[in-house]
Amino acid sequence: MALTTGFPLLDSLISEDKIVEFYSLDRELLTLFYHRVIAVSSPVQVVLVGERGGLDPNMVERFQRIYGVTGEIRVRRAFKVEDVSQVLKVVRGEAVIVDPYQHRKCYSNIVKYLRLDGSRKYIFSFMDREREGSLFGAHSAGSILKLSRTKGGFKVEIIKSVTLGRLEIPFATWEIFGRSESGLIRWII
């Protein structure tokens, strides 16, 4: 199955990009979002960078149940900064990569292996991409999207896109769990 966010509008905007990066300072929101992406994109390869945490199998299973998906998820973990390049070197095909820039060094090698096979990659970073992100990664990504909370949910800001200018797309909190309705628009039409 192809990488997807499960949000048709968002997917249509980033469908042509090989490397798409999602970032946020809100760890809870980004974690929830990438669990959803992993579940709806399964079968999928996932690379986790760091010693602890990263993937909650129960949350992925819940999302798979919500969306009626049963695909396999193959997980690889990179513990140290030196491991990131080595793990990315062997990943072939589409993949979700969680926090590859966590160590804030070796950017050029990491980006080199992200681009190596030319397949789509979704990257999720817990950082302020505009202030502390790698320049290599910013040049390689087709789209860079910022997730942030709003009063009634969250928004996705398209910070960089090959085809679009800056754009904000708001979502209600429950939409991440697959519940949405047309709201007032049903009364207008």
Foldseek 3Di string as FASTA:
>chain_A
DAQDQPDVVVCVQCVVWQEEEEEELPPVVLLLSVLLRPLVGAVAEEEEEADDDDDDVVSNVLSCVLVVHDHHYHYHYQHDLVRLLVVLQPDDAEHEYEANCVVVDPVVSNLCSSPPRPHHYYYYHNDDCVPRNDPSVVVRTQWYWYWDADPFAIKIWTPHHPPDHTDIDDDGNCVSSVDDDPPCVVVVD
